Amino acid sequence: MALNLSFLLADDHVIVRRGLRNLLYDQFHAGNVDEVATCRELLDSLARKEPSLLVLDLQLTDGSSLDHLERISQAHPAMRTLVYTMRSETVYAQRVMALGAAGFLSKESSEEEVTRAIRHVLQGRPYISGTTEDHLQEKAKDAEAKTNPFALLSDREMSVMDNMLAGFGVKDISLRLHLQPTTVATYKARIFDKLGVANLLDLQRLAQAHRHYME
């Protein structure tokens, strides 16, 4: 990692800024660390000098930095921004990343995670916690399921459904897939439950309506 990195800490709590400053000097051998507590000070500081990394709280003394994040990101494309806040990660992480932040970190994080997040961002890699990554993946799955309900099915469930749509019964499917009939019956129940259908006719209608996903 490059030496003489410069940092700007934008947080309205002195104790938070002091803790981050100590970590940056200790773990990253920071060349310079500046501090601001307000949005006005933040914008003025960036106008004078662009740091390698901006560590940004979403709530500063004179307002929300979220209102300025997109403009800051566009004006300073080479600067990395790590949002470090008490705001809900599941609510704000995706939003701030869309506005140009390189990472999102909760103030409840351990010192080790703070160090890891800063390192990720300085290396040009986005950072969100594992919990938020799981949450975003679930949201993506939910969005896909609204357009493609069959995305909810496992590979084995898809195989069972294909055989059901081909006209095979439980016993035939068990022989074709080398499964116990009770196992096939369980898969059938799961398929109906996941797709929200009550019988084979409903399943056939759903498959016909979304036939482009079945081809």
N, C-alpha and C. Protein backbone atom coordinates (compact mmCIF):
# COMPACT_ATOMS: atom_id res chain seq x y z
N MET A 1 0.84 -1.19 0.00
CA MET A 1 0.00 0.00 0.00
C MET A 1 0.89 1.25 0.00
N ALA A 2 0.44 2.27 -0.74
CA ALA A 2 1.25 3.47 -0.88
C ALA A 2 1.47 4.17 0.46
N LEU A 3 2.64 4.80 0.57
CA LEU A 3 2.95 5.56 1.76
C LEU A 3 2.41 6.97 1.62
N ASN A 4 2.45 7.73 2.73
CA ASN A 4 2.02 9.12 2.74
C ASN A 4 0.56 9.29 2.30
N LEU A 5 -0.27 8.36 2.71
CA LEU A 5 -1.69 8.49 2.44
C LEU A 5 -2.27 9.62 3.28
N SER A 6 -3.22 10.33 2.71
CA SER A 6 -3.87 11.42 3.44
C SER A 6 -5.33 11.06 3.68
N PHE A 7 -5.85 11.54 4.81
CA PHE A 7 -7.21 11.18 5.21
C PHE A 7 -7.97 12.42 5.68
N LEU A 8 -9.27 12.39 5.48
CA LEU A 8 -10.15 13.42 6.01
C LEU A 8 -11.24 12.72 6.81
N LEU A 9 -11.36 13.06 8.08
CA LEU A 9 -12.36 12.48 8.97
C LEU A 9 -13.49 13.48 9.15
N ALA A 10 -14.68 13.12 8.69
CA ALA A 10 -15.84 14.01 8.83
C ALA A 10 -16.81 13.37 9.80
N ASP A 11 -16.77 13.85 11.04
CA ASP A 11 -17.61 13.29 12.11
C ASP A 11 -17.82 14.37 13.15
N ASP A 12 -19.03 14.43 13.71
CA ASP A 12 -19.31 15.49 14.68
C ASP A 12 -18.96 15.12 16.11
N HIS A 13 -18.31 13.97 16.32
CA HIS A 13 -17.88 13.57 17.65
C HIS A 13 -16.36 13.54 17.73
N VAL A 14 -15.82 14.35 18.61
CA VAL A 14 -14.37 14.46 18.73
C VAL A 14 -13.75 13.12 19.10
N ILE A 15 -14.38 12.38 19.99
CA ILE A 15 -13.80 11.13 20.46
C ILE A 15 -13.71 10.10 19.32
N VAL A 16 -14.68 10.13 18.42
CA VAL A 16 -14.64 9.23 17.26
C VAL A 16 -13.49 9.61 16.34
N ARG A 17 -13.34 10.91 16.09
CA ARG A 17 -12.26 11.37 15.22
C ARG A 17 -10.89 11.03 15.81
N ARG A 18 -10.77 11.16 17.12
CA ARG A 18 -9.48 10.86 17.76
C ARG A 18 -9.15 9.38 17.65
N GLY A 19 -10.16 8.55 17.86
CA GLY A 19 -9.93 7.11 17.75
C GLY A 19 -9.53 6.70 16.34
N LEU A 20 -10.21 7.27 15.35
CA LEU A 20 -9.86 6.96 13.96
C LEU A 20 -8.48 7.48 13.61
N ARG A 21 -8.16 8.68 14.10
CA ARG A 21 -6.84 9.26 13.83
C ARG A 21 -5.73 8.33 14.35
N ASN A 22 -5.89 7.87 15.57
CA ASN A 22 -4.88 6.98 16.15
C ASN A 22 -4.75 5.70 15.34
N LEU A 23 -5.88 5.14 14.90
CA LEU A 23 -5.85 3.92 14.11
C LEU A 23 -5.14 4.14 12.78
N LEU A 24 -5.42 5.28 12.15
CA LEU A 24 -4.83 5.56 10.84
C LEU A 24 -3.31 5.73 10.93
N TYR A 25 -2.84 6.40 11.97
CA TYR A 25 -1.40 6.56 12.14
C TYR A 25 -0.74 5.22 12.50
N ASP A 26 -1.45 4.43 13.30
CA ASP A 26 -0.87 3.17 13.76
C ASP A 26 -0.88 2.10 12.68
N GLN A 27 -2.01 1.95 11.98
CA GLN A 27 -2.17 0.85 11.03
C GLN A 27 -1.80 1.22 9.59
N PHE A 28 -1.90 2.50 9.24
CA PHE A 28 -1.69 2.89 7.84
C PHE A 28 -0.58 3.91 7.65
N HIS A 29 0.10 4.26 8.74
CA HIS A 29 1.22 5.21 8.67
C HIS A 29 0.81 6.46 7.89
N ALA A 30 -0.32 7.00 8.27
CA ALA A 30 -0.90 8.14 7.55
C ALA A 30 0.08 9.31 7.47
N GLY A 31 0.14 9.91 6.29
CA GLY A 31 0.98 11.09 6.13
C GLY A 31 0.31 12.32 6.67
N ASN A 32 -1.01 12.38 6.56
CA ASN A 32 -1.76 13.54 7.05
C ASN A 32 -3.20 13.13 7.34
N VAL A 33 -3.73 13.61 8.46
CA VAL A 33 -5.11 13.34 8.83
C VAL A 33 -5.77 14.66 9.23
N ASP A 34 -6.77 15.09 8.46
CA ASP A 34 -7.52 16.30 8.77
C ASP A 34 -8.88 15.91 9.34
N GLU A 35 -9.50 16.84 10.07
CA GLU A 35 -10.78 16.58 10.72
C GLU A 35 -11.75 17.72 10.46
N VAL A 36 -13.02 17.37 10.24
CA VAL A 36 -14.09 18.36 10.14
C VAL A 36 -15.30 17.81 10.88
N ALA A 37 -16.19 18.74 11.29
CA ALA A 37 -17.37 18.33 12.05
C ALA A 37 -18.68 18.74 11.39
N THR A 38 -18.60 19.57 10.33
CA THR A 38 -19.81 20.06 9.67
C THR A 38 -19.73 19.83 8.16
N CYS A 39 -20.89 19.90 7.51
CA CYS A 39 -20.92 19.77 6.05
C CYS A 39 -20.16 20.92 5.40
N ARG A 40 -20.31 22.12 5.96
CA ARG A 40 -19.61 23.28 5.41
C ARG A 40 -18.10 23.10 5.50
N GLU A 41 -17.63 22.66 6.65
CA GLU A 41 -16.19 22.41 6.79
C GLU A 41 -15.73 21.31 5.84
N LEU A 42 -16.56 20.31 5.65
CA LEU A 42 -16.23 19.21 4.75
C LEU A 42 -16.03 19.72 3.33
N LEU A 43 -16.98 20.49 2.84
CA LEU A 43 -16.90 21.00 1.47
C LEU A 43 -15.73 21.96 1.30
N ASP A 44 -15.49 22.80 2.30
CA ASP A 44 -14.37 23.74 2.24
C ASP A 44 -13.04 22.99 2.22
N SER A 45 -12.93 21.95 3.05
CA SER A 45 -11.69 21.18 3.12
C SER A 45 -11.41 20.48 1.79
N LEU A 46 -12.45 19.91 1.19
CA LEU A 46 -12.28 19.21 -0.08
C LEU A 46 -11.94 20.17 -1.22
N ALA A 47 -12.42 21.39 -1.11
CA ALA A 47 -12.10 22.40 -2.13
C ALA A 47 -10.62 22.78 -2.08
N ARG A 48 -10.04 22.69 -0.88
CA ARG A 48 -8.63 23.04 -0.72
C ARG A 48 -7.70 21.87 -1.04
N LYS A 49 -8.11 20.68 -0.64
CA LYS A 49 -7.20 19.53 -0.78
C LYS A 49 -8.02 18.24 -0.82
N GLU A 50 -7.65 17.35 -1.74
CA GLU A 50 -8.34 16.08 -1.88
C GLU A 50 -7.55 14.98 -1.18
N PRO A 51 -8.14 14.32 -0.18
CA PRO A 51 -7.43 13.25 0.52
C PRO A 51 -7.49 11.93 -0.24
N SER A 52 -6.69 10.97 0.19
CA SER A 52 -6.78 9.63 -0.39
C SER A 52 -8.09 8.97 0.01
N LEU A 53 -8.51 9.22 1.25
CA LEU A 53 -9.73 8.59 1.78
C LEU A 53 -10.50 9.56 2.65
N LEU A 54 -11.80 9.64 2.40
CA LEU A 54 -12.72 10.39 3.24
C LEU A 54 -13.50 9.38 4.08
N VAL A 55 -13.40 9.51 5.41
CA VAL A 55 -14.22 8.69 6.31
C VAL A 55 -15.36 9.58 6.77
N LEU A 56 -16.57 9.22 6.39
CA LEU A 56 -17.70 10.15 6.47
C LEU A 56 -18.85 9.61 7.31
N ASP A 57 -19.24 10.40 8.32
CA ASP A 57 -20.47 10.10 9.05
C ASP A 57 -21.63 10.71 8.28
N LEU A 58 -22.79 10.08 8.34
CA LEU A 58 -23.93 10.58 7.59
C LEU A 58 -24.59 11.77 8.26
N GLN A 59 -24.40 11.93 9.57
CA GLN A 59 -25.01 13.05 10.27
C GLN A 59 -23.91 13.93 10.86
N LEU A 60 -23.75 15.12 10.33
CA LEU A 60 -22.79 16.07 10.85
C LEU A 60 -23.51 17.17 11.61
N THR A 61 -22.77 18.07 12.21
CA THR A 61 -23.35 19.05 13.12
C THR A 61 -24.43 19.90 12.44
N ASP A 62 -24.20 20.28 11.19
CA ASP A 62 -25.12 21.20 10.52
C ASP A 62 -26.03 20.51 9.50
N GLY A 63 -26.10 19.19 9.52
CA GLY A 63 -27.01 18.52 8.61
C GLY A 63 -26.51 17.17 8.14
N SER A 64 -27.21 16.62 7.15
CA SER A 64 -26.89 15.30 6.64
C SER A 64 -25.89 15.38 5.49
N SER A 65 -24.80 14.64 5.61
CA SER A 65 -23.81 14.61 4.53
C SER A 65 -24.34 13.83 3.33
N LEU A 66 -25.41 13.05 3.54
CA LEU A 66 -26.01 12.29 2.44
C LEU A 66 -26.45 13.23 1.32
N ASP A 67 -26.83 14.45 1.68
CA ASP A 67 -27.28 15.42 0.69
C ASP A 67 -26.15 15.85 -0.24
N HIS A 68 -24.90 15.66 0.19
CA HIS A 68 -23.75 16.13 -0.58
C HIS A 68 -22.93 14.99 -1.18
N LEU A 69 -23.26 13.76 -0.83
CA LEU A 69 -22.39 12.64 -1.19
C LEU A 69 -22.23 12.46 -2.69
N GLU A 70 -23.31 12.54 -3.44
CA GLU A 70 -23.21 12.33 -4.89
C GLU A 70 -22.35 13.42 -5.53
N ARG A 71 -22.54 14.66 -5.12
CA ARG A 71 -21.76 15.77 -5.68
C ARG A 71 -20.28 15.63 -5.32
N ILE A 72 -20.01 15.21 -4.09
CA ILE A 72 -18.63 14.99 -3.66
C ILE A 72 -17.98 13.89 -4.49
N SER A 73 -18.71 12.80 -4.69
CA SER A 73 -18.17 11.66 -5.46
C SER A 73 -17.87 12.05 -6.90
N GLN A 74 -18.74 12.85 -7.49
CA GLN A 74 -18.54 13.28 -8.88
C GLN A 74 -17.39 14.27 -8.99
N ALA A 75 -17.23 15.13 -7.99
CA ALA A 75 -16.18 16.14 -8.03
C ALA A 75 -14.80 15.57 -7.70
N HIS A 76 -14.77 14.43 -7.01
CA HIS A 76 -13.50 13.84 -6.57
C HIS A 76 -13.48 12.34 -6.91
N PRO A 77 -13.44 12.00 -8.19
CA PRO A 77 -13.52 10.59 -8.58
C PRO A 77 -12.34 9.74 -8.13
N ALA A 78 -11.19 10.36 -7.87
CA ALA A 78 -10.02 9.58 -7.44
C ALA A 78 -10.02 9.32 -5.93
N MET A 79 -10.82 10.07 -5.20
CA MET A 79 -10.88 9.92 -3.74
C MET A 79 -11.84 8.78 -3.37
N ARG A 80 -11.46 7.99 -2.39
CA ARG A 80 -12.32 6.94 -1.87
C ARG A 80 -13.09 7.47 -0.67
N THR A 81 -14.36 7.07 -0.57
CA THR A 81 -15.19 7.48 0.56
C THR A 81 -15.72 6.25 1.28
N LEU A 82 -15.43 6.20 2.58
CA LEU A 82 -15.97 5.14 3.44
C LEU A 82 -16.95 5.76 4.40
N VAL A 83 -18.22 5.40 4.28
CA VAL A 83 -19.23 5.90 5.21
C VAL A 83 -19.13 5.11 6.50
N TYR A 84 -19.02 5.85 7.61
CA TYR A 84 -18.82 5.25 8.94
C TYR A 84 -19.85 5.88 9.86
N THR A 85 -20.90 5.14 10.20
CA THR A 85 -22.06 5.76 10.82
C THR A 85 -22.81 4.79 11.73
N MET A 86 -23.71 5.34 12.52
CA MET A 86 -24.60 4.53 13.34
C MET A 86 -25.91 4.24 12.62
N ARG A 87 -26.11 4.83 11.45
CA ARG A 87 -27.33 4.59 10.70
C ARG A 87 -27.42 3.12 10.27
N SER A 88 -28.64 2.65 10.05
CA SER A 88 -28.87 1.25 9.72
C SER A 88 -28.17 0.85 8.42
N GLU A 89 -27.39 -0.21 8.51
CA GLU A 89 -26.66 -0.68 7.34
C GLU A 89 -27.60 -1.22 6.27
N THR A 90 -28.63 -1.95 6.68
CA THR A 90 -29.54 -2.52 5.69
C THR A 90 -30.35 -1.44 4.97
N VAL A 91 -30.55 -0.30 5.62
CA VAL A 91 -31.31 0.80 5.02
C VAL A 91 -30.42 1.67 4.15
N TYR A 92 -29.20 1.96 4.61
CA TYR A 92 -28.38 2.98 3.96
C TYR A 92 -27.24 2.46 3.09
N ALA A 93 -26.76 1.25 3.31
CA ALA A 93 -25.56 0.80 2.59
C ALA A 93 -25.72 0.85 1.09
N GLN A 94 -26.78 0.27 0.57
CA GLN A 94 -26.97 0.25 -0.88
C GLN A 94 -27.15 1.67 -1.42
N ARG A 95 -27.82 2.52 -0.67
CA ARG A 95 -28.06 3.89 -1.11
C ARG A 95 -26.76 4.68 -1.24
N VAL A 96 -25.90 4.61 -0.20
CA VAL A 96 -24.66 5.40 -0.25
C VAL A 96 -23.70 4.86 -1.30
N MET A 97 -23.72 3.54 -1.54
CA MET A 97 -22.87 2.98 -2.58
C MET A 97 -23.34 3.48 -3.96
N ALA A 98 -24.64 3.60 -4.14
CA ALA A 98 -25.17 4.10 -5.40
C ALA A 98 -24.80 5.56 -5.61
N LEU A 99 -24.62 6.29 -4.52
CA LEU A 99 -24.26 7.71 -4.61
C LEU A 99 -22.75 7.92 -4.75
N GLY A 100 -21.98 6.83 -4.73
CA GLY A 100 -20.56 6.96 -4.99
C GLY A 100 -19.63 6.55 -3.89
N ALA A 101 -20.16 6.19 -2.72
CA ALA A 101 -19.29 5.73 -1.64
C ALA A 101 -18.67 4.39 -2.02
N ALA A 102 -17.44 4.16 -1.54
CA ALA A 102 -16.74 2.91 -1.83
C ALA A 102 -17.01 1.85 -0.76
N GLY A 103 -17.57 2.28 0.37
CA GLY A 103 -17.82 1.32 1.43
C GLY A 103 -18.76 1.87 2.48
N PHE A 104 -19.32 0.95 3.27
CA PHE A 104 -20.22 1.31 4.37
C PHE A 104 -19.82 0.51 5.59
N LEU A 105 -19.71 1.19 6.72
CA LEU A 105 -19.28 0.52 7.94
C LEU A 105 -20.05 1.06 9.13
N SER A 106 -20.52 0.15 9.97
CA SER A 106 -21.23 0.54 11.18
C SER A 106 -20.23 0.94 12.27
N LYS A 107 -20.60 1.93 13.06
CA LYS A 107 -19.75 2.34 14.18
C LYS A 107 -19.71 1.29 15.29
N GLU A 108 -20.54 0.29 15.18
CA GLU A 108 -20.51 -0.81 16.14
C GLU A 108 -19.47 -1.86 15.76
N SER A 109 -18.79 -1.66 14.64
CA SER A 109 -17.79 -2.62 14.17
C SER A 109 -16.57 -2.64 15.07
N SER A 110 -15.89 -3.78 15.08
CA SER A 110 -14.66 -3.92 15.84
C SER A 110 -13.53 -3.14 15.17
N GLU A 111 -12.45 -2.91 15.92
CA GLU A 111 -11.29 -2.23 15.35
C GLU A 111 -10.72 -3.02 14.18
N GLU A 112 -10.76 -4.34 14.29
CA GLU A 112 -10.25 -5.18 13.20
C GLU A 112 -11.06 -4.99 11.93
N GLU A 113 -12.38 -4.88 12.08
CA GLU A 113 -13.21 -4.69 10.88
C GLU A 113 -13.01 -3.30 10.29
N VAL A 114 -12.85 -2.30 11.14
CA VAL A 114 -12.59 -0.95 10.65
C VAL A 114 -11.30 -0.94 9.83
N THR A 115 -10.26 -1.57 10.36
CA THR A 115 -8.99 -1.66 9.64
C THR A 115 -9.16 -2.38 8.32
N ARG A 116 -9.89 -3.48 8.34
CA ARG A 116 -10.12 -4.26 7.12
C ARG A 116 -10.90 -3.45 6.09
N ALA A 117 -11.91 -2.73 6.53
CA ALA A 117 -12.73 -1.93 5.61
C ALA A 117 -11.89 -0.82 4.96
N ILE A 118 -11.09 -0.14 5.75
CA ILE A 118 -10.25 0.93 5.20
C ILE A 118 -9.26 0.36 4.20
N ARG A 119 -8.68 -0.77 4.52
CA ARG A 119 -7.72 -1.40 3.60
C ARG A 119 -8.40 -1.78 2.28
N HIS A 120 -9.59 -2.39 2.37
CA HIS A 120 -10.35 -2.75 1.17
C HIS A 120 -10.57 -1.53 0.28
N VAL A 121 -11.07 -0.47 0.89
CA VAL A 121 -11.42 0.73 0.13
C VAL A 121 -10.20 1.38 -0.49
N LEU A 122 -9.10 1.45 0.26
CA LEU A 122 -7.87 2.04 -0.28
C LEU A 122 -7.31 1.22 -1.43
N GLN A 123 -7.58 -0.06 -1.45
CA GLN A 123 -7.11 -0.93 -2.52
C GLN A 123 -8.07 -0.95 -3.72
N GLY A 124 -9.09 -0.11 -3.65
CA GLY A 124 -10.01 -0.01 -4.76
C GLY A 124 -11.11 -1.03 -4.76
N ARG A 125 -11.31 -1.71 -3.63
CA ARG A 125 -12.35 -2.73 -3.54
C ARG A 125 -13.50 -2.20 -2.69
N PRO A 126 -14.74 -2.41 -3.11
CA PRO A 126 -15.87 -1.96 -2.31
C PRO A 126 -15.96 -2.76 -1.02
N TYR A 127 -16.51 -2.15 0.02
CA TYR A 127 -16.63 -2.87 1.30
C TYR A 127 -18.03 -2.70 1.88
N ILE A 128 -18.67 -3.84 2.14
CA ILE A 128 -19.85 -3.90 2.98
C ILE A 128 -19.70 -5.14 3.85
N SER A 129 -20.40 -5.17 4.95
CA SER A 129 -20.27 -6.31 5.86
C SER A 129 -20.90 -7.55 5.24
N GLY A 130 -20.54 -8.71 5.76
CA GLY A 130 -21.12 -9.95 5.29
C GLY A 130 -22.62 -9.98 5.47
N THR A 131 -23.11 -9.39 6.56
CA THR A 131 -24.55 -9.36 6.83
C THR A 131 -25.28 -8.58 5.75
N THR A 132 -24.74 -7.42 5.38
CA THR A 132 -25.38 -6.61 4.35
C THR A 132 -25.27 -7.25 2.99
N GLU A 133 -24.15 -7.90 2.71
CA GLU A 133 -24.00 -8.60 1.44
C GLU A 133 -25.07 -9.69 1.30
N ASP A 134 -25.31 -10.43 2.39
CA ASP A 134 -26.37 -11.44 2.37
C ASP A 134 -27.73 -10.80 2.14
N HIS A 135 -27.95 -9.66 2.80
CA HIS A 135 -29.23 -8.96 2.66
C HIS A 135 -29.46 -8.52 1.22
N LEU A 136 -28.41 -7.97 0.58
CA LEU A 136 -28.54 -7.50 -0.80
C LEU A 136 -28.77 -8.66 -1.76
N GLN A 137 -28.13 -9.79 -1.47
CA GLN A 137 -28.34 -10.97 -2.31
C GLN A 137 -29.77 -11.46 -2.20
N GLU A 138 -30.31 -11.41 -0.99
CA GLU A 138 -31.70 -11.82 -0.80
C GLU A 138 -32.65 -10.88 -1.52
N LYS A 139 -32.35 -9.58 -1.50
CA LYS A 139 -33.18 -8.61 -2.21
C LYS A 139 -33.13 -8.87 -3.71
N ALA A 140 -31.94 -9.21 -4.20
CA ALA A 140 -31.79 -9.51 -5.64
C ALA A 140 -32.60 -10.75 -6.01
N LYS A 141 -32.57 -11.75 -5.13
CA LYS A 141 -33.35 -12.96 -5.38
C LYS A 141 -34.84 -12.65 -5.38
N ASP A 142 -35.28 -11.81 -4.43
CA ASP A 142 -36.69 -11.45 -4.37
C ASP A 142 -37.12 -10.71 -5.63
N ALA A 143 -36.24 -9.81 -6.10
CA ALA A 143 -36.55 -9.04 -7.31
C ALA A 143 -36.64 -9.97 -8.52
N GLU A 144 -35.73 -10.94 -8.59
CA GLU A 144 -35.76 -11.89 -9.70
C GLU A 144 -37.00 -12.76 -9.63
N ALA A 145 -37.38 -13.14 -8.42
CA ALA A 145 -38.54 -14.02 -8.25
C ALA A 145 -39.83 -13.35 -8.70
N LYS A 146 -39.87 -12.00 -8.64
CA LYS A 146 -41.08 -11.30 -9.07
C LYS A 146 -41.27 -11.43 -10.58
N THR A 147 -40.17 -11.52 -11.32
CA THR A 147 -40.27 -11.66 -12.77
C THR A 147 -40.13 -13.12 -13.21
N ASN A 148 -39.37 -13.89 -12.45
CA ASN A 148 -39.16 -15.30 -12.76
C ASN A 148 -39.40 -16.13 -11.51
N PRO A 149 -40.63 -16.57 -11.28
CA PRO A 149 -40.95 -17.32 -10.05
C PRO A 149 -40.16 -18.61 -9.91
N PHE A 150 -39.69 -19.16 -11.04
CA PHE A 150 -38.97 -20.43 -11.00
C PHE A 150 -37.55 -20.28 -10.46
N ALA A 151 -37.10 -19.01 -10.28
CA ALA A 151 -35.78 -18.77 -9.68
C ALA A 151 -35.75 -19.23 -8.23
N LEU A 152 -36.94 -19.41 -7.65
CA LEU A 152 -37.03 -19.85 -6.25
C LEU A 152 -36.73 -21.34 -6.09
N LEU A 153 -36.80 -22.08 -7.19
CA LEU A 153 -36.66 -23.54 -7.11
C LEU A 153 -35.20 -23.98 -7.18
N SER A 154 -34.88 -25.02 -6.44
CA SER A 154 -33.56 -25.63 -6.52
C SER A 154 -33.46 -26.43 -7.82
N ASP A 155 -32.26 -26.86 -8.16
CA ASP A 155 -32.06 -27.66 -9.38
C ASP A 155 -32.89 -28.94 -9.34
N ARG A 156 -32.91 -29.60 -8.18
CA ARG A 156 -33.67 -30.85 -8.05
C ARG A 156 -35.16 -30.58 -8.18
N GLU A 157 -35.64 -29.49 -7.59
CA GLU A 157 -37.06 -29.14 -7.70
C GLU A 157 -37.43 -28.84 -9.14
N MET A 158 -36.51 -28.20 -9.88
CA MET A 158 -36.77 -27.93 -11.29
C MET A 158 -36.91 -29.25 -12.07
N SER A 159 -36.05 -30.23 -11.75
CA SER A 159 -36.12 -31.52 -12.42
C SER A 159 -37.45 -32.22 -12.16
N VAL A 160 -37.87 -32.19 -10.91
CA VAL A 160 -39.15 -32.81 -10.55
C VAL A 160 -40.28 -32.09 -11.27
N MET A 161 -40.24 -30.76 -11.29
CA MET A 161 -41.30 -29.99 -11.94
C MET A 161 -41.35 -30.29 -13.44
N ASP A 162 -40.18 -30.36 -14.08
CA ASP A 162 -40.15 -30.66 -15.51
C ASP A 162 -40.84 -31.99 -15.80
N ASN A 163 -40.59 -32.96 -14.95
CA ASN A 163 -41.22 -34.27 -15.13
C ASN A 163 -42.72 -34.21 -14.88
N MET A 164 -43.13 -33.41 -13.89
CA MET A 164 -44.56 -33.25 -13.63
C MET A 164 -45.25 -32.61 -14.84
N LEU A 165 -44.62 -31.59 -15.41
CA LEU A 165 -45.21 -30.92 -16.56
C LEU A 165 -45.23 -31.81 -17.79
N ALA A 166 -44.32 -32.80 -17.81
CA ALA A 166 -44.29 -33.75 -18.93
C ALA A 166 -45.34 -34.85 -18.78
N GLY A 167 -46.05 -34.82 -17.65
CA GLY A 167 -47.14 -35.75 -17.47
C GLY A 167 -46.84 -36.96 -16.61
N PHE A 168 -45.66 -37.00 -16.00
CA PHE A 168 -45.30 -38.14 -15.17
C PHE A 168 -45.83 -37.97 -13.75
N GLY A 169 -46.25 -39.10 -13.15
CA GLY A 169 -46.72 -39.10 -11.77
C GLY A 169 -45.57 -39.30 -10.80
N VAL A 170 -45.90 -39.30 -9.52
CA VAL A 170 -44.89 -39.41 -8.47
C VAL A 170 -44.06 -40.68 -8.61
N LYS A 171 -44.73 -41.83 -8.84
CA LYS A 171 -43.99 -43.10 -8.94
C LYS A 171 -43.05 -43.11 -10.14
N ASP A 172 -43.54 -42.61 -11.27
CA ASP A 172 -42.69 -42.56 -12.47
C ASP A 172 -41.49 -41.65 -12.26
N ILE A 173 -41.74 -40.50 -11.63
CA ILE A 173 -40.64 -39.55 -11.39
C ILE A 173 -39.61 -40.16 -10.45
N SER A 174 -40.07 -40.91 -9.46
CA SER A 174 -39.14 -41.53 -8.51
C SER A 174 -38.22 -42.49 -9.23
N LEU A 175 -38.76 -43.22 -10.21
CA LEU A 175 -37.93 -44.15 -10.99
C LEU A 175 -36.98 -43.41 -11.92
N ARG A 176 -37.47 -42.36 -12.55
CA ARG A 176 -36.64 -41.61 -13.50
C ARG A 176 -35.49 -40.88 -12.82
N LEU A 177 -35.73 -40.37 -11.60
CA LEU A 177 -34.71 -39.59 -10.90
C LEU A 177 -34.02 -40.39 -9.80
N HIS A 178 -34.39 -41.67 -9.68
CA HIS A 178 -33.78 -42.55 -8.67
C HIS A 178 -33.97 -41.98 -7.26
N LEU A 179 -35.22 -41.61 -6.97
CA LEU A 179 -35.58 -41.08 -5.67
C LEU A 179 -36.71 -41.92 -5.07
N GLN A 180 -36.84 -41.85 -3.76
CA GLN A 180 -37.97 -42.49 -3.11
C GLN A 180 -39.25 -41.72 -3.44
N PRO A 181 -40.39 -42.43 -3.61
CA PRO A 181 -41.65 -41.74 -3.89
C PRO A 181 -41.98 -40.68 -2.84
N THR A 182 -41.67 -40.96 -1.58
CA THR A 182 -41.96 -39.98 -0.53
C THR A 182 -41.11 -38.71 -0.72
N THR A 183 -39.89 -38.90 -1.21
CA THR A 183 -39.02 -37.75 -1.47
C THR A 183 -39.58 -36.91 -2.61
N VAL A 184 -40.05 -37.57 -3.66
CA VAL A 184 -40.65 -36.86 -4.78
C VAL A 184 -41.89 -36.09 -4.31
N ALA A 185 -42.68 -36.74 -3.46
CA ALA A 185 -43.89 -36.09 -2.94
C ALA A 185 -43.53 -34.83 -2.14
N THR A 186 -42.43 -34.92 -1.39
CA THR A 186 -41.97 -33.77 -0.63
C THR A 186 -41.55 -32.64 -1.56
N TYR A 187 -40.80 -32.99 -2.62
CA TYR A 187 -40.39 -31.98 -3.60
C TYR A 187 -41.62 -31.34 -4.26
N LYS A 188 -42.60 -32.16 -4.58
CA LYS A 188 -43.82 -31.66 -5.20
C LYS A 188 -44.51 -30.64 -4.30
N ALA A 189 -44.58 -30.94 -3.01
CA ALA A 189 -45.22 -30.03 -2.06
C ALA A 189 -44.44 -28.72 -1.96
N ARG A 190 -43.11 -28.83 -1.96
CA ARG A 190 -42.28 -27.62 -1.90
C ARG A 190 -42.48 -26.76 -3.14
N ILE A 191 -42.55 -27.40 -4.30
CA ILE A 191 -42.74 -26.67 -5.56
C ILE A 191 -44.05 -25.89 -5.52
N PHE A 192 -45.12 -26.58 -5.12
CA PHE A 192 -46.42 -25.91 -5.05
C PHE A 192 -46.37 -24.74 -4.07
N ASP A 193 -45.72 -24.95 -2.93
CA ASP A 193 -45.65 -23.90 -1.91
C ASP A 193 -44.85 -22.70 -2.40
N LYS A 194 -43.68 -22.95 -2.98
CA LYS A 194 -42.81 -21.85 -3.44
C LYS A 194 -43.45 -21.05 -4.57
N LEU A 195 -44.17 -21.74 -5.44
CA LEU A 195 -44.77 -21.07 -6.60
C LEU A 195 -46.18 -20.56 -6.33
N GLY A 196 -46.72 -20.91 -5.17
CA GLY A 196 -48.05 -20.43 -4.81
C GLY A 196 -49.16 -21.03 -5.64
N VAL A 197 -48.99 -22.30 -6.03
CA VAL A 197 -50.04 -22.98 -6.80
C VAL A 197 -50.62 -24.11 -5.96
N ALA A 198 -51.86 -24.51 -6.30
CA ALA A 198 -52.55 -25.51 -5.49
C ALA A 198 -52.61 -26.88 -6.15
N ASN A 199 -52.41 -26.91 -7.47
CA ASN A 199 -52.54 -28.18 -8.18
C ASN A 199 -51.75 -28.14 -9.48
N LEU A 200 -51.75 -29.26 -10.17
CA LEU A 200 -50.97 -29.38 -11.40
C LEU A 200 -51.49 -28.44 -12.49
N LEU A 201 -52.78 -28.23 -12.55
CA LEU A 201 -53.34 -27.33 -13.56
C LEU A 201 -52.83 -25.91 -13.36
N ASP A 202 -52.81 -25.47 -12.10
CA ASP A 202 -52.27 -24.13 -11.81
C ASP A 202 -50.80 -24.05 -12.20
N LEU A 203 -50.06 -25.12 -11.93
CA LEU A 203 -48.64 -25.15 -12.28
C LEU A 203 -48.46 -25.05 -13.79
N GLN A 204 -49.27 -25.77 -14.54
CA GLN A 204 -49.19 -25.72 -16.00
C GLN A 204 -49.50 -24.32 -16.53
N ARG A 205 -50.47 -23.66 -15.92
CA ARG A 205 -50.82 -22.30 -16.33
C ARG A 205 -49.67 -21.33 -16.04
N LEU A 206 -49.05 -21.51 -14.87
CA LEU A 206 -47.93 -20.65 -14.51
C LEU A 206 -46.75 -20.86 -15.45
N ALA A 207 -46.47 -22.12 -15.78
CA ALA A 207 -45.38 -22.44 -16.69
C ALA A 207 -45.64 -21.87 -18.08
N GLN A 208 -46.88 -21.90 -18.51
CA GLN A 208 -47.24 -21.37 -19.82
C GLN A 208 -47.07 -19.84 -19.83
N ALA A 209 -47.46 -19.20 -18.74
CA ALA A 209 -47.36 -17.74 -18.66
C ALA A 209 -45.91 -17.28 -18.64
N HIS A 210 -45.01 -18.14 -18.14
CA HIS A 210 -43.59 -17.79 -18.06
C HIS A 210 -42.76 -18.76 -18.90
N ARG A 211 -43.28 -19.16 -20.03
CA ARG A 211 -42.64 -20.19 -20.82
C ARG A 211 -41.24 -19.78 -21.31
N HIS A 212 -40.98 -18.44 -21.44
CA HIS A 212 -39.66 -18.01 -21.90
C HIS A 212 -38.58 -18.36 -20.89
N TYR A 213 -38.96 -18.57 -19.62
CA TYR A 213 -37.97 -19.00 -18.60
C TYR A 213 -37.77 -20.51 -18.63
N MET A 214 -38.68 -21.21 -19.28
CA MET A 214 -38.63 -22.65 -19.28
C MET A 214 -37.88 -23.21 -20.48
N GLU A 215 -37.60 -22.35 -21.46
CA GLU A 215 -36.99 -22.81 -22.70
C GLU A 215 -35.47 -22.90 -22.56
